[in-house]
């Protein structure tokens, strides 16, 4: 990289002028265990057995591509294996809805709390934790006593 290109890149960064990332070219159906990413959506899933040719073409049309290089430093929300299995086994009309549902679950997982402790909005249920702990303590028998 020469100095002129570097100065040009810095000027574009300061002015906020950036090009939209181009969609990578289509590729052959990936092997089991390969990771594919939604380029514009920031989601990633691992290919499982049962990926049909029709489903792969649908995924390509929706903007999914095989992860081209590793390690990819971009941050993606991982879609769970169970959700991927549901997408592979569902009717074509329901695929997009199931992937959106997987994306919402991935966003909740990014919060760092187990799913059982999250509310429907994805927030952690601190108040519920307090009352659960309090109930657990009242149920526990003191040591040395039998029920």
Foldseek 3Di string as FASTA:
>chain_A
DDPVVVVVVVVCVVVVNDDDDDQDDADDDDDAQFKKAQVVPQAIEGHHPQCDPVNSVVCVVNRIHTDDDPPDPRHGQYQDPVLVVVLSPDDPVCNVVSVVVSRVVSVLVVVVDDPVQADPVSHGNPVVVVVVVVVVVVPDDPPPDDD
